[in-house]
Amino acid sequence: MVRVKNRYLVVNFLYPSTTPPSTSTSSFKDLPSLLQLHQPTPDTFHAGLLLRAIRDGVTELFGDYGMGMVSSSLKVNYHSPATSTSIIRCPQAHYQMVWAALTYMTALPRPIGTPVVVKVVRVSGTIKMAELEVIRRAKDIILRAKMEQRGGGGGIKGMGAGMGMVGHIMKTVEKRREEVLVRVEEAEEESESE
């Protein structure tokens, strides 16, 4: 029996957009540039949309041949909107095709359309090593956030006194959720009025 060999790509989603995702531009400008780049992924972007985007990218770059080579074991094993991180399983022999498709992705799929930079952080032979890399990176971010909140380690310019990185992240996430709730309520009101 032949064992199918896979590779696991640890992927980060970065949002370099200079335009704010919401209507309130003043709150977006107050955020440090590091937080503007490392925003949480929208909740509407899920593993299924990511898989569809990868398949579309591989088909666009490599045609039916590429899709045939990659589709046998392509799977999104882990996707976290909060940390903008994913782990993607793909065939060992053709992981470069998936990597290329991710590199050429410039925006999230159609319903969302937010400009994005997809960064492959690590290629691993086992899911365990990929998960350990995700945990290590999360611990590093938490440590940097705690240091920044205490006021030690000057790394981020534009931080207001009294509110560290964690406070900014929580404030931004809460504002986004409120905006989504308002949009949902408006859509429900429009559908009721019709």
Protein backbone atom coordinates (compact mmCIF):
# COMPACT_ATOMS: atom_id res chain seq x y z
CA MET A 1 0.00 0.00 0.00
CA VAL A 2 1.29 3.44 -0.94
CA ARG A 3 1.08 6.24 1.57
CA VAL A 4 -0.08 9.59 0.21
CA LYS A 5 2.38 12.27 1.28
CA ASN A 6 1.17 15.78 2.04
CA ARG A 7 2.56 19.18 2.91
CA TYR A 8 0.94 21.63 5.30
CA LEU A 9 1.13 25.35 4.59
CA VAL A 10 0.78 27.79 7.50
CA VAL A 11 -0.74 30.94 6.01
CA ASN A 12 -1.27 34.47 7.40
CA PHE A 13 -3.67 37.01 5.90
CA LEU A 14 -2.48 40.63 6.00
CA TYR A 15 -4.65 43.65 5.21
CA PRO A 16 -2.52 46.50 3.81
CA SER A 17 -5.50 48.63 2.80
CA THR A 18 -5.11 52.31 3.57
CA THR A 19 -8.85 52.81 3.43
CA PRO A 20 -10.72 51.94 6.59
CA PRO A 21 -13.01 48.90 6.55
CA SER A 22 -15.73 50.87 8.29
CA THR A 23 -17.30 54.26 7.82
CA SER A 24 -15.54 55.83 10.80
CA THR A 25 -12.14 56.91 9.47
CA SER A 26 -10.95 58.57 12.68
CA SER A 27 -10.92 55.33 14.69
CA PHE A 28 -9.01 53.55 11.91
CA LYS A 29 -6.35 56.28 11.76
CA ASP A 30 -5.85 56.05 15.52
CA LEU A 31 -4.78 52.40 15.26
CA PRO A 32 -1.06 51.70 15.00
CA SER A 33 0.13 50.61 11.56
CA LEU A 34 0.98 47.14 12.90
CA LEU A 35 -2.64 46.60 13.92
CA GLN A 36 -3.94 48.01 10.66
CA LEU A 37 -1.88 45.37 8.83
CA HIS A 38 -2.71 42.45 11.18
CA GLN A 39 -6.47 42.89 11.37
CA PRO A 40 -8.82 40.01 12.15
CA THR A 41 -10.26 38.33 9.08
CA PRO A 42 -13.96 39.08 8.47
CA ASP A 43 -16.26 36.47 10.01
CA THR A 44 -17.93 35.88 6.65
CA PHE A 45 -14.65 34.50 5.23
CA HIS A 46 -14.66 30.81 6.16
CA ALA A 47 -12.72 27.69 5.18
CA GLY A 48 -15.06 26.90 2.28
CA LEU A 49 -14.46 30.28 0.64
CA LEU A 50 -10.71 29.89 1.15
CA LEU A 51 -10.77 26.46 -0.50
CA ARG A 52 -12.78 27.83 -3.43
CA ALA A 53 -10.33 30.73 -3.82
CA ILE A 54 -7.35 28.34 -3.86
CA ARG A 55 -9.02 26.10 -6.45
CA ASP A 56 -9.85 29.11 -8.64
CA GLY A 57 -6.27 30.38 -8.32
CA VAL A 58 -4.70 27.04 -9.22
CA THR A 59 -7.05 26.68 -12.19
CA GLU A 60 -6.25 30.21 -13.38
CA LEU A 61 -2.48 29.74 -13.09
CA PHE A 62 -2.03 26.08 -14.08
CA GLY A 63 -5.27 25.10 -15.82
CA ASP A 64 -6.95 21.73 -15.56
CA TYR A 65 -3.59 19.98 -15.18
CA GLY A 66 -2.82 21.93 -12.00
CA MET A 67 -6.29 21.41 -10.59
CA GLY A 68 -6.05 17.68 -11.25
CA MET A 69 -2.68 17.43 -9.51
CA VAL A 70 -3.73 19.46 -6.47
CA SER A 71 -7.36 18.46 -5.92
CA SER A 72 -6.62 14.95 -4.63
CA SER A 73 -5.68 16.10 -1.12
CA LEU A 74 -6.41 19.83 -0.97
CA LYS A 75 -8.07 20.67 2.34
CA VAL A 76 -8.23 23.54 4.84
CA ASN A 77 -7.40 21.86 8.16
CA TYR A 78 -7.56 24.99 10.33
CA HIS A 79 -8.88 28.50 9.80
CA SER A 80 -9.05 31.18 12.49
CA PRO A 81 -10.63 34.54 11.61
CA ALA A 82 -9.45 36.03 14.93
CA THR A 83 -5.76 35.45 14.20
CA SER A 84 -6.03 35.55 10.38
CA THR A 85 -4.23 32.20 10.21
CA SER A 86 -4.93 29.01 8.26
CA ILE A 87 -3.34 25.59 7.81
CA ILE A 88 -3.82 24.11 4.33
CA ARG A 89 -3.07 20.49 3.37
CA CYS A 90 -1.90 19.84 -0.18
CA PRO A 91 0.02 17.12 -2.09
CA GLN A 92 3.76 16.96 -1.37
CA ALA A 93 4.75 16.87 -5.03
CA HIS A 94 2.68 19.93 -5.99
CA TYR A 95 2.58 22.20 -2.94
CA GLN A 96 4.31 24.92 -4.97
CA MET A 97 1.16 25.26 -7.11
CA VAL A 98 -0.96 25.96 -4.04
CA TRP A 99 1.68 28.37 -2.74
CA ALA A 100 1.69 30.22 -6.07
CA ALA A 101 -2.11 30.45 -6.09
CA LEU A 102 -2.05 31.90 -2.56
CA THR A 103 0.70 34.36 -3.48
CA TYR A 104 -1.30 35.69 -6.43
CA MET A 105 -4.46 36.16 -4.34
CA THR A 106 -4.98 39.92 -4.06
CA ALA A 107 -8.48 40.07 -2.55
CA LEU A 108 -10.80 37.87 -0.55
CA PRO A 109 -13.46 36.08 -2.65
CA ARG A 110 -16.48 37.89 -4.13
CA PRO A 111 -18.91 38.49 -1.29
CA ILE A 112 -16.17 40.16 0.78
CA GLY A 113 -13.74 41.65 -1.72
CA THR A 114 -11.33 43.11 0.87
CA PRO A 115 -7.76 43.60 -0.45
CA VAL A 116 -5.43 41.04 1.14
CA VAL A 117 -1.83 39.84 1.06
CA VAL A 118 -1.49 36.13 1.71
CA LYS A 119 1.82 35.17 3.30
CA VAL A 120 2.93 31.53 3.54
CA VAL A 121 4.81 31.45 6.83
CA ARG A 122 5.88 27.80 6.98
CA VAL A 123 5.77 24.61 4.94
CA SER A 124 5.68 21.49 7.09
CA GLY A 125 5.60 17.75 6.49
CA THR A 126 3.31 17.01 9.44
CA ILE A 127 0.20 18.65 10.82
CA LYS A 128 1.74 18.61 14.30
CA MET A 129 4.65 20.83 13.30
CA ALA A 130 2.29 23.20 11.50
CA GLU A 131 0.09 23.45 14.62
CA LEU A 132 3.16 24.05 16.79
CA GLU A 133 4.18 26.91 14.48
CA VAL A 134 0.72 28.48 14.79
CA ILE A 135 0.89 28.19 18.59
CA ARG A 136 4.42 29.63 18.69
CA ARG A 137 3.39 32.61 16.57
CA ALA A 138 0.29 33.21 18.72
CA LYS A 139 2.38 33.15 21.91
CA ASP A 140 4.83 35.58 20.35
CA ILE A 141 2.02 38.00 19.45
CA ILE A 142 0.53 37.74 22.95
CA LEU A 143 3.93 38.39 24.52
CA ARG A 144 4.47 41.44 22.28
CA ALA A 145 0.99 42.70 23.13
CA LYS A 146 1.57 42.32 26.88
CA MET A 147 4.90 44.12 26.66
CA GLU A 148 3.30 46.91 24.67
CA GLN A 149 0.41 47.23 27.11
CA ARG A 150 2.82 47.53 30.04
CA GLY A 151 4.58 50.29 28.19
CA GLY A 152 7.85 48.39 27.83
CA GLY A 153 9.48 47.74 24.52
CA GLY A 154 8.80 50.68 22.28
CA GLY A 155 8.01 49.16 18.96
CA ILE A 156 4.73 50.57 17.77
CA LYS A 157 4.49 54.24 17.00
CA GLY A 158 1.32 56.15 17.59
CA MET A 159 0.16 54.20 20.62
CA GLY A 160 -1.93 56.26 22.96
CA ALA A 161 -0.88 56.34 26.59
CA GLY A 162 -3.12 54.13 28.68
CA MET A 163 -4.31 51.86 25.85
CA GLY A 164 -1.98 49.15 24.63
CA MET A 165 -2.16 46.82 21.68
CA VAL A 166 -4.67 44.48 23.34
CA GLY A 167 -7.03 47.37 24.06
CA HIS A 168 -6.86 48.54 20.44
CA ILE A 169 -7.56 45.03 19.13
CA MET A 170 -10.55 44.55 21.42
CA LYS A 171 -11.91 47.98 20.54
CA THR A 172 -11.58 47.34 16.79
CA VAL A 173 -13.18 43.90 16.94
CA GLU A 174 -16.11 45.24 18.98
CA LYS A 175 -16.69 48.11 16.51
CA ARG A 176 -16.67 45.69 13.57
CA ARG A 177 -19.21 43.39 15.21
CA GLU A 178 -21.49 46.34 16.00
CA GLU A 179 -21.28 47.52 12.37
CA VAL A 180 -22.20 44.04 11.10
CA LEU A 181 -25.18 43.91 13.47
CA VAL A 182 -26.36 47.31 12.22
CA ARG A 183 -26.08 46.14 8.59
CA VAL A 184 -28.03 42.95 9.36
CA GLU A 185 -30.78 44.94 11.11
CA GLU A 186 -30.99 47.35 8.15
CA ALA A 187 -31.26 44.45 5.70
CA GLU A 188 -34.02 42.86 7.78
CA GLU A 189 -35.93 46.17 7.89
CA GLU A 190 -35.63 46.53 4.10
CA SER A 191 -36.87 42.99 3.53
CA GLU A 192 -39.85 43.57 5.86
CA SER A 193 -40.80 46.80 4.11
CA GLU A 194 -40.92 45.08 0.69
